[in-house]
Structure formats: structure tokens, C-alpha cells
Amino acid sequence: MHHYVTSRPWIGGAAGDARSPFAPASLQAVEVAPPRCEHRDFVFGRRAVSAARREVLVSGALRTLQPRPFDLLVYLIEHRDRVVTTDELLDNIWKDEFVQPGSLAAAVMRIRKALHDTGRDADAIIRTHQGIGYRFVAGLDGDEARDN
């Protein structure tokens, strides 16, 4: 797991502020590259996913999604340029936990339900590649056109 230290613009001059000239050396801000897409909102059609706020909105309404399915959704969005294998998803989302074979499929089902995704080719958000894995195929607002 990667931990990131981010700096915020300095406002004011409190001694506890890491950017303050009065802060002890141990509190000085360290510049580190931000994680990929951590604070990005993903918008596709009438749906939005905020990785930072851990929220899913459909037509402006907040939809409930458990932690693992949410992490899975964000992972699939971040890797939308390819089919993500079942093994990769299990390794990255469930890490060292033992899960039943149907856990991944159940998580995808929860995502589809939350997003109102029928799974049909014409309007699919997540496409299942039988025996291989899954791919996020909805076009994100702002993405260049790509071959699904």
C-alpha cells in the first residue's frame, strides 16, 4: 500500500501549519506525487463517481455501494483501457483475503445495480469477458473517443 503526503496551499501563519515559516522542521511539507485519480470525479452520462468522497451519484441521487464494490468500480475505471483479469482484481481489491469464487461476480452485480447498468452490450457500463475478467466500457465525459 502506498502512502502519500500532499501539501495544501499555505493559508495564514499558524505555528502548526507545515507551510508556515514558524513550523518546526519535523512538520515541513514534503512534496510527493499524488496517487492516480485519487481526487478525480469520473462522470459518465447521468452518473458520477467521486474517488475522494467515495460517492456514487445517479441522476444526482446518492447511491449506496459497499467498500469492496466501490474499490472495484474505481479500479475498473482507472484501468478502462483494457480487460482486467479476475486474478488481478482479486489481488488488488481483496489482496491477501480468502474470498469465495462468487465474491467478484457479486461485487460486479452490486455495482451494476447501483449504477442501473443492465449489462447489455448496447448500454453496458461494465462488460463481462467470460473466463477472463471485466472491463469498464462507458465513455467518461472528457475522455477522447476510444474503441470499446
N, C-alpha and C. Protein backbone atom coordinates (compact mmCIF):
# COMPACT_ATOMS: atom_id res chain seq x y z
N MET A 1 0.85 -1.17 0.00
CA MET A 1 0.00 0.00 0.00
C MET A 1 0.89 1.23 0.00
N HIS A 2 0.52 2.20 -0.81
CA HIS A 2 1.31 3.42 -0.92
C HIS A 2 0.67 4.50 -0.07
N HIS A 3 1.49 5.25 0.62
CA HIS A 3 1.01 6.38 1.39
C HIS A 3 1.58 7.64 0.76
N TYR A 4 0.76 8.64 0.66
CA TYR A 4 1.17 9.87 0.02
C TYR A 4 1.04 11.02 0.99
N VAL A 5 1.97 11.93 0.89
CA VAL A 5 1.91 13.16 1.66
C VAL A 5 1.60 14.26 0.66
N THR A 6 0.52 14.95 0.88
CA THR A 6 0.19 16.03 -0.03
C THR A 6 0.29 17.35 0.71
N SER A 7 0.63 18.38 0.00
CA SER A 7 0.69 19.69 0.62
C SER A 7 -0.48 20.51 0.13
N ARG A 8 -0.96 21.38 0.99
CA ARG A 8 -2.05 22.26 0.63
C ARG A 8 -1.52 23.68 0.59
N PRO A 9 -2.16 24.54 -0.16
CA PRO A 9 -1.69 25.91 -0.19
C PRO A 9 -1.67 26.49 1.21
N TRP A 10 -0.64 27.25 1.50
CA TRP A 10 -0.49 27.83 2.82
C TRP A 10 -1.45 28.99 2.99
N ILE A 11 -2.27 28.92 4.02
CA ILE A 11 -3.19 30.00 4.33
C ILE A 11 -2.94 30.36 5.79
N GLY A 12 -2.58 31.58 6.02
CA GLY A 12 -2.32 32.02 7.39
C GLY A 12 -0.89 31.72 7.78
N GLY A 13 -0.63 31.73 9.07
CA GLY A 13 0.73 31.52 9.51
C GLY A 13 0.80 30.84 10.85
N ALA A 14 -0.12 29.97 11.15
CA ALA A 14 -0.13 29.29 12.43
C ALA A 14 1.10 28.41 12.56
N ALA A 15 1.62 28.32 13.77
CA ALA A 15 2.83 27.55 14.00
C ALA A 15 2.64 26.07 13.70
N GLY A 16 1.42 25.57 13.77
CA GLY A 16 1.16 24.17 13.49
C GLY A 16 1.01 23.87 12.01
N ASP A 17 0.98 24.88 11.19
CA ASP A 17 0.83 24.72 9.74
C ASP A 17 2.18 24.34 9.15
N ALA A 18 2.25 23.21 8.44
CA ALA A 18 3.52 22.71 7.90
C ALA A 18 4.15 23.67 6.91
N ARG A 19 3.37 24.56 6.31
CA ARG A 19 3.92 25.51 5.34
C ARG A 19 4.29 26.82 5.99
N SER A 20 4.02 26.95 7.26
CA SER A 20 4.33 28.17 7.97
C SER A 20 5.84 28.29 8.20
N PRO A 21 6.37 29.49 8.09
CA PRO A 21 7.79 29.66 8.38
C PRO A 21 8.11 29.42 9.85
N PHE A 22 7.07 29.35 10.69
CA PHE A 22 7.26 29.14 12.12
C PHE A 22 7.14 27.67 12.52
N ALA A 23 6.84 26.80 11.56
CA ALA A 23 6.66 25.38 11.86
C ALA A 23 8.00 24.73 12.15
N PRO A 24 8.03 23.78 13.09
CA PRO A 24 9.27 23.04 13.35
C PRO A 24 9.68 22.26 12.10
N ALA A 25 10.95 22.00 11.96
CA ALA A 25 11.46 21.28 10.79
C ALA A 25 10.77 19.94 10.59
N SER A 26 10.36 19.28 11.67
CA SER A 26 9.72 17.97 11.55
C SER A 26 8.35 18.06 10.90
N LEU A 27 7.77 19.27 10.82
CA LEU A 27 6.45 19.44 10.20
C LEU A 27 6.52 20.02 8.80
N GLN A 28 7.70 20.25 8.29
CA GLN A 28 7.82 20.85 6.95
C GLN A 28 7.17 19.93 5.91
N ALA A 29 6.47 20.53 4.98
CA ALA A 29 5.75 19.78 3.95
C ALA A 29 6.72 19.04 3.04
N VAL A 30 6.34 17.86 2.64
CA VAL A 30 7.12 17.06 1.71
C VAL A 30 6.30 16.91 0.44
N GLU A 31 6.88 17.24 -0.71
CA GLU A 31 6.18 17.12 -1.98
C GLU A 31 6.31 15.70 -2.51
N VAL A 32 5.18 15.04 -2.72
CA VAL A 32 5.15 13.68 -3.25
C VAL A 32 4.06 13.65 -4.31
N ALA A 33 4.30 12.91 -5.38
CA ALA A 33 3.31 12.81 -6.45
C ALA A 33 2.00 12.26 -5.91
N PRO A 34 0.88 12.84 -6.30
CA PRO A 34 -0.41 12.35 -5.83
C PRO A 34 -0.74 11.00 -6.45
N PRO A 35 -1.57 10.21 -5.77
CA PRO A 35 -1.97 8.93 -6.34
C PRO A 35 -2.81 9.16 -7.58
N ARG A 36 -2.81 8.18 -8.43
CA ARG A 36 -3.55 8.26 -9.68
C ARG A 36 -5.05 8.38 -9.40
N CYS A 37 -5.64 9.45 -9.86
CA CYS A 37 -7.09 9.66 -9.83
C CYS A 37 -7.70 9.75 -8.43
N GLU A 38 -6.90 9.90 -7.37
CA GLU A 38 -7.45 9.88 -6.02
C GLU A 38 -8.53 10.94 -5.80
N HIS A 39 -8.33 12.12 -6.35
CA HIS A 39 -9.26 13.20 -6.10
C HIS A 39 -10.10 13.54 -7.32
N ARG A 40 -10.14 12.66 -8.26
CA ARG A 40 -10.84 12.91 -9.50
C ARG A 40 -12.27 12.41 -9.44
N ASP A 41 -13.14 13.16 -10.06
CA ASP A 41 -14.51 12.72 -10.22
C ASP A 41 -14.63 12.14 -11.62
N PHE A 42 -15.26 10.99 -11.73
CA PHE A 42 -15.48 10.33 -13.01
C PHE A 42 -16.95 10.53 -13.36
N VAL A 43 -17.22 11.15 -14.49
CA VAL A 43 -18.60 11.41 -14.90
C VAL A 43 -18.84 10.69 -16.22
N PHE A 44 -19.92 9.92 -16.27
CA PHE A 44 -20.30 9.22 -17.49
C PHE A 44 -21.81 9.24 -17.59
N GLY A 45 -22.28 10.03 -18.56
CA GLY A 45 -23.72 10.19 -18.72
C GLY A 45 -24.32 10.85 -17.50
N ARG A 46 -25.35 10.25 -16.96
CA ARG A 46 -26.02 10.80 -15.78
C ARG A 46 -25.47 10.24 -14.47
N ARG A 47 -24.28 9.63 -14.56
CA ARG A 47 -23.66 9.00 -13.39
C ARG A 47 -22.34 9.69 -13.06
N ALA A 48 -22.00 9.69 -11.76
CA ALA A 48 -20.73 10.27 -11.33
C ALA A 48 -20.17 9.44 -10.18
N VAL A 49 -18.86 9.26 -10.19
CA VAL A 49 -18.17 8.53 -9.12
C VAL A 49 -17.06 9.45 -8.61
N SER A 50 -17.07 9.71 -7.31
CA SER A 50 -16.03 10.52 -6.70
C SER A 50 -15.16 9.60 -5.86
N ALA A 51 -13.91 9.41 -6.30
CA ALA A 51 -12.99 8.55 -5.56
C ALA A 51 -12.65 9.15 -4.21
N ALA A 52 -12.47 10.47 -4.14
CA ALA A 52 -12.09 11.13 -2.89
C ALA A 52 -13.22 11.08 -1.87
N ARG A 53 -14.44 11.31 -2.30
CA ARG A 53 -15.58 11.32 -1.37
C ARG A 53 -16.21 9.94 -1.22
N ARG A 54 -15.75 8.98 -2.05
CA ARG A 54 -16.29 7.62 -2.04
C ARG A 54 -17.81 7.64 -2.21
N GLU A 55 -18.23 8.39 -3.24
CA GLU A 55 -19.65 8.53 -3.53
C GLU A 55 -19.96 8.14 -4.96
N VAL A 56 -21.16 7.60 -5.12
CA VAL A 56 -21.69 7.28 -6.44
C VAL A 56 -23.02 8.01 -6.56
N LEU A 57 -23.16 8.79 -7.64
CA LEU A 57 -24.40 9.51 -7.90
C LEU A 57 -24.99 9.04 -9.22
N VAL A 58 -26.29 8.84 -9.23
CA VAL A 58 -27.02 8.52 -10.46
C VAL A 58 -28.14 9.54 -10.56
N SER A 59 -28.13 10.33 -11.61
CA SER A 59 -29.10 11.41 -11.81
C SER A 59 -29.16 12.32 -10.58
N GLY A 60 -28.01 12.55 -9.96
CA GLY A 60 -27.92 13.44 -8.80
C GLY A 60 -28.26 12.78 -7.48
N ALA A 61 -28.76 11.55 -7.50
CA ALA A 61 -29.13 10.86 -6.27
C ALA A 61 -27.97 9.98 -5.79
N LEU A 62 -27.68 10.07 -4.51
CA LEU A 62 -26.61 9.27 -3.91
C LEU A 62 -27.02 7.80 -3.89
N ARG A 63 -26.14 6.94 -4.36
CA ARG A 63 -26.37 5.50 -4.37
C ARG A 63 -25.41 4.84 -3.40
N THR A 64 -25.89 3.90 -2.64
CA THR A 64 -25.06 3.20 -1.66
C THR A 64 -24.28 2.08 -2.35
N LEU A 65 -22.99 2.03 -2.06
CA LEU A 65 -22.14 0.97 -2.59
C LEU A 65 -21.14 0.60 -1.49
N GLN A 66 -21.09 -0.67 -1.15
CA GLN A 66 -20.19 -1.14 -0.11
C GLN A 66 -18.73 -0.88 -0.49
N PRO A 67 -17.82 -0.90 0.50
CA PRO A 67 -16.42 -0.55 0.24
C PRO A 67 -15.74 -1.38 -0.87
N ARG A 68 -15.85 -2.70 -0.85
CA ARG A 68 -15.16 -3.50 -1.87
C ARG A 68 -15.71 -3.26 -3.27
N PRO A 69 -17.04 -3.27 -3.46
CA PRO A 69 -17.55 -2.95 -4.79
C PRO A 69 -17.16 -1.54 -5.24
N PHE A 70 -17.12 -0.58 -4.30
CA PHE A 70 -16.69 0.76 -4.67
C PHE A 70 -15.24 0.75 -5.15
N ASP A 71 -14.36 0.10 -4.40
CA ASP A 71 -12.95 -0.01 -4.80
C ASP A 71 -12.81 -0.70 -6.15
N LEU A 72 -13.61 -1.72 -6.37
CA LEU A 72 -13.59 -2.44 -7.64
C LEU A 72 -14.01 -1.51 -8.78
N LEU A 73 -15.07 -0.74 -8.58
CA LEU A 73 -15.53 0.19 -9.60
C LEU A 73 -14.44 1.20 -9.96
N VAL A 74 -13.82 1.80 -8.95
CA VAL A 74 -12.76 2.78 -9.21
C VAL A 74 -11.59 2.12 -9.93
N TYR A 75 -11.23 0.90 -9.52
CA TYR A 75 -10.12 0.18 -10.17
C TYR A 75 -10.43 -0.07 -11.65
N LEU A 76 -11.66 -0.50 -11.92
CA LEU A 76 -12.04 -0.75 -13.31
C LEU A 76 -12.04 0.55 -14.13
N ILE A 77 -12.49 1.64 -13.54
CA ILE A 77 -12.47 2.92 -14.25
C ILE A 77 -11.04 3.34 -14.54
N GLU A 78 -10.17 3.22 -13.55
CA GLU A 78 -8.77 3.62 -13.73
C GLU A 78 -8.05 2.77 -14.78
N HIS A 79 -8.51 1.54 -14.99
CA HIS A 79 -7.88 0.62 -15.95
C HIS A 79 -8.81 0.34 -17.11
N ARG A 80 -9.62 1.32 -17.49
CA ARG A 80 -10.66 1.14 -18.51
C ARG A 80 -10.11 0.91 -19.91
N ASP A 81 -8.83 1.07 -20.10
CA ASP A 81 -8.24 0.89 -21.43
C ASP A 81 -8.04 -0.58 -21.79
N ARG A 82 -8.40 -1.50 -20.87
CA ARG A 82 -8.16 -2.91 -21.12
C ARG A 82 -9.10 -3.79 -20.30
N VAL A 83 -9.14 -5.07 -20.64
CA VAL A 83 -9.85 -6.05 -19.83
C VAL A 83 -8.97 -6.35 -18.61
N VAL A 84 -9.55 -6.25 -17.43
CA VAL A 84 -8.81 -6.54 -16.20
C VAL A 84 -9.16 -7.96 -15.79
N THR A 85 -8.14 -8.78 -15.62
CA THR A 85 -8.38 -10.19 -15.32
C THR A 85 -8.95 -10.38 -13.92
N THR A 86 -9.64 -11.48 -13.75
CA THR A 86 -10.19 -11.84 -12.45
C THR A 86 -9.09 -11.92 -11.40
N ASP A 87 -7.97 -12.55 -11.75
CA ASP A 87 -6.86 -12.67 -10.80
C ASP A 87 -6.33 -11.31 -10.37
N GLU A 88 -6.18 -10.39 -11.32
CA GLU A 88 -5.69 -9.05 -10.99
C GLU A 88 -6.65 -8.34 -10.05
N LEU A 89 -7.93 -8.47 -10.32
CA LEU A 89 -8.92 -7.83 -9.46
C LEU A 89 -8.90 -8.41 -8.05
N LEU A 90 -8.83 -9.73 -7.96
CA LEU A 90 -8.76 -10.35 -6.63
C LEU A 90 -7.49 -9.94 -5.89
N ASP A 91 -6.37 -9.88 -6.60
CA ASP A 91 -5.10 -9.49 -5.99
C ASP A 91 -5.10 -8.06 -5.51
N ASN A 92 -5.76 -7.18 -6.24
CA ASN A 92 -5.71 -5.76 -5.91
C ASN A 92 -6.85 -5.26 -5.04
N ILE A 93 -8.00 -5.88 -5.12
CA ILE A 93 -9.13 -5.41 -4.33
C ILE A 93 -9.26 -6.18 -3.02
N TRP A 94 -9.07 -7.49 -3.07
CA TRP A 94 -9.20 -8.30 -1.86
C TRP A 94 -7.84 -8.63 -1.25
N LYS A 95 -6.78 -8.32 -1.94
CA LYS A 95 -5.39 -8.51 -1.50
C LYS A 95 -5.16 -9.89 -0.89
N ASP A 96 -4.84 -9.99 0.37
CA ASP A 96 -4.48 -11.27 0.99
C ASP A 96 -5.66 -11.97 1.66
N GLU A 97 -6.85 -11.54 1.37
CA GLU A 97 -8.02 -12.17 1.97
C GLU A 97 -8.46 -13.37 1.15
N PHE A 98 -8.98 -14.37 1.83
CA PHE A 98 -9.57 -15.51 1.12
C PHE A 98 -11.00 -15.14 0.80
N VAL A 99 -11.38 -15.26 -0.46
CA VAL A 99 -12.75 -14.96 -0.86
C VAL A 99 -13.35 -16.12 -1.62
N GLN A 100 -14.63 -16.25 -1.53
CA GLN A 100 -15.34 -17.28 -2.28
C GLN A 100 -15.30 -16.93 -3.76
N PRO A 101 -15.37 -17.93 -4.63
CA PRO A 101 -15.29 -17.68 -6.08
C PRO A 101 -16.33 -16.68 -6.60
N GLY A 102 -17.47 -16.63 -5.98
CA GLY A 102 -18.53 -15.74 -6.46
C GLY A 102 -18.44 -14.32 -5.92
N SER A 103 -17.47 -14.02 -5.06
CA SER A 103 -17.38 -12.68 -4.46
C SER A 103 -17.19 -11.59 -5.50
N LEU A 104 -16.35 -11.83 -6.48
CA LEU A 104 -16.11 -10.84 -7.52
C LEU A 104 -17.37 -10.61 -8.34
N ALA A 105 -18.01 -11.69 -8.75
CA ALA A 105 -19.24 -11.57 -9.54
C ALA A 105 -20.34 -10.86 -8.73
N ALA A 106 -20.42 -11.14 -7.44
CA ALA A 106 -21.41 -10.48 -6.59
C ALA A 106 -21.10 -8.98 -6.47
N ALA A 107 -19.83 -8.63 -6.38
CA ALA A 107 -19.45 -7.21 -6.31
C ALA A 107 -19.80 -6.49 -7.60
N VAL A 108 -19.56 -7.13 -8.74
CA VAL A 108 -19.92 -6.53 -10.03
C VAL A 108 -21.44 -6.36 -10.11
N MET A 109 -22.18 -7.35 -9.63
CA MET A 109 -23.64 -7.25 -9.62
C MET A 109 -24.10 -6.06 -8.78
N ARG A 110 -23.46 -5.83 -7.63
CA ARG A 110 -23.82 -4.68 -6.77
C ARG A 110 -23.52 -3.36 -7.48
N ILE A 111 -22.40 -3.31 -8.19
CA ILE A 111 -22.05 -2.10 -8.94
C ILE A 111 -23.10 -1.85 -10.01
N ARG A 112 -23.44 -2.88 -10.76
CA ARG A 112 -24.44 -2.73 -11.83
C ARG A 112 -25.78 -2.26 -11.28
N LYS A 113 -26.16 -2.81 -10.16
CA LYS A 113 -27.43 -2.41 -9.54
C LYS A 113 -27.37 -0.94 -9.12
N ALA A 114 -26.29 -0.53 -8.48
CA ALA A 114 -26.15 0.86 -8.03
C ALA A 114 -26.15 1.84 -9.21
N LEU A 115 -25.54 1.44 -10.32
CA LEU A 115 -25.42 2.32 -11.49
C LEU A 115 -26.57 2.16 -12.48
N HIS A 116 -27.49 1.26 -12.20
CA HIS A 116 -28.58 0.95 -13.13
C HIS A 116 -28.01 0.46 -14.46
N ASP A 117 -27.04 -0.42 -14.38
CA ASP A 117 -26.40 -1.00 -15.56
C ASP A 117 -27.07 -2.34 -15.86
N THR A 118 -27.64 -2.47 -17.04
CA THR A 118 -28.32 -3.72 -17.39
C THR A 118 -27.32 -4.79 -17.80
N GLY A 119 -26.10 -4.37 -18.18
CA GLY A 119 -25.10 -5.33 -18.62
C GLY A 119 -25.24 -5.71 -20.08
N ARG A 120 -26.29 -5.19 -20.75
CA ARG A 120 -26.46 -5.47 -22.18
C ARG A 120 -25.44 -4.67 -22.98
N ASP A 121 -24.96 -5.24 -24.06
CA ASP A 121 -23.90 -4.62 -24.85
C ASP A 121 -24.17 -3.17 -25.23
N ALA A 122 -25.36 -2.87 -25.67
CA ALA A 122 -25.64 -1.53 -26.18
C ALA A 122 -25.49 -0.45 -25.12
N ASP A 123 -25.83 -0.75 -23.88
CA ASP A 123 -25.78 0.26 -22.84
C ASP A 123 -24.96 -0.19 -21.63
N ALA A 124 -24.06 -1.12 -21.83
CA ALA A 124 -23.25 -1.65 -20.72
C ALA A 124 -22.31 -0.59 -20.17
N ILE A 125 -22.09 -0.67 -18.89
CA ILE A 125 -21.09 0.15 -18.21
C ILE A 125 -19.87 -0.72 -17.92
N ILE A 126 -20.15 -1.92 -17.45
CA ILE A 126 -19.09 -2.91 -17.21
C ILE A 126 -19.39 -4.12 -18.08
N ARG A 127 -18.44 -4.48 -18.90
CA ARG A 127 -18.60 -5.64 -19.79
C ARG A 127 -17.89 -6.84 -19.17
N THR A 128 -18.60 -7.97 -19.16
CA THR A 128 -18.02 -9.21 -18.67
C THR A 128 -17.36 -9.94 -19.83
N HIS A 129 -16.12 -10.37 -19.61
CA HIS A 129 -15.41 -11.20 -20.58
C HIS A 129 -15.29 -12.57 -19.93
N GLN A 130 -16.22 -13.45 -20.32
CA GLN A 130 -16.33 -14.77 -19.69
C GLN A 130 -14.98 -15.47 -19.58
N GLY A 131 -14.67 -15.93 -18.38
CA GLY A 131 -13.44 -16.69 -18.14
C GLY A 131 -12.18 -15.84 -18.11
N ILE A 132 -12.32 -14.54 -18.31
CA ILE A 132 -11.14 -13.66 -18.34
C ILE A 132 -11.22 -12.59 -17.26
N GLY A 133 -12.25 -11.75 -17.33
CA GLY A 133 -12.36 -10.66 -16.37
C GLY A 133 -13.42 -9.66 -16.77
N TYR A 134 -13.17 -8.38 -16.46
CA TYR A 134 -14.16 -7.33 -16.69
C TYR A 134 -13.48 -6.10 -17.27
N ARG A 135 -14.31 -5.27 -17.92
CA ARG A 135 -13.80 -4.01 -18.43
C ARG A 135 -14.87 -2.93 -18.29
N PHE A 136 -14.47 -1.77 -17.80
CA PHE A 136 -15.33 -0.60 -17.74
C PHE A 136 -15.38 -0.02 -19.15
N VAL A 137 -16.56 0.02 -19.76
CA VAL A 137 -16.67 0.42 -21.16
C VAL A 137 -17.45 1.71 -21.40
N ALA A 138 -18.05 2.27 -20.36
CA ALA A 138 -18.77 3.53 -20.54
C ALA A 138 -17.77 4.64 -20.84
N GLY A 139 -18.13 5.52 -21.73
CA GLY A 139 -17.26 6.65 -22.06
C GLY A 139 -17.36 7.71 -20.97
N LEU A 140 -16.20 8.09 -20.44
CA LEU A 140 -16.18 9.15 -19.44
C LEU A 140 -16.27 10.50 -20.12
N ASP A 141 -17.01 11.41 -19.52
CA ASP A 141 -17.07 12.77 -20.04
C ASP A 141 -15.65 13.33 -20.02
N GLY A 142 -15.23 13.88 -21.14
CA GLY A 142 -13.89 14.43 -21.23
C GLY A 142 -12.85 13.47 -21.81
N ASP A 143 -13.16 12.18 -21.85
CA ASP A 143 -12.26 11.22 -22.48
C ASP A 143 -12.36 11.37 -23.99
N GLU A 144 -11.24 11.14 -24.66
CA GLU A 144 -11.30 11.09 -26.11
C GLU A 144 -12.03 9.83 -26.52
N ALA A 145 -12.61 9.85 -27.68
CA ALA A 145 -13.30 8.64 -28.18
C ALA A 145 -12.31 7.49 -28.25
N ARG A 146 -12.78 6.32 -27.83
CA ARG A 146 -11.91 5.15 -27.87
C ARG A 146 -12.72 3.95 -28.30
N ASP A 147 -12.02 2.95 -28.79
CA ASP A 147 -12.66 1.74 -29.29
C ASP A 147 -13.03 0.85 -28.11
N ASN A 148 -14.30 0.51 -27.97
CA ASN A 148 -14.75 -0.37 -26.89
C ASN A 148 -14.73 -1.78 -27.41
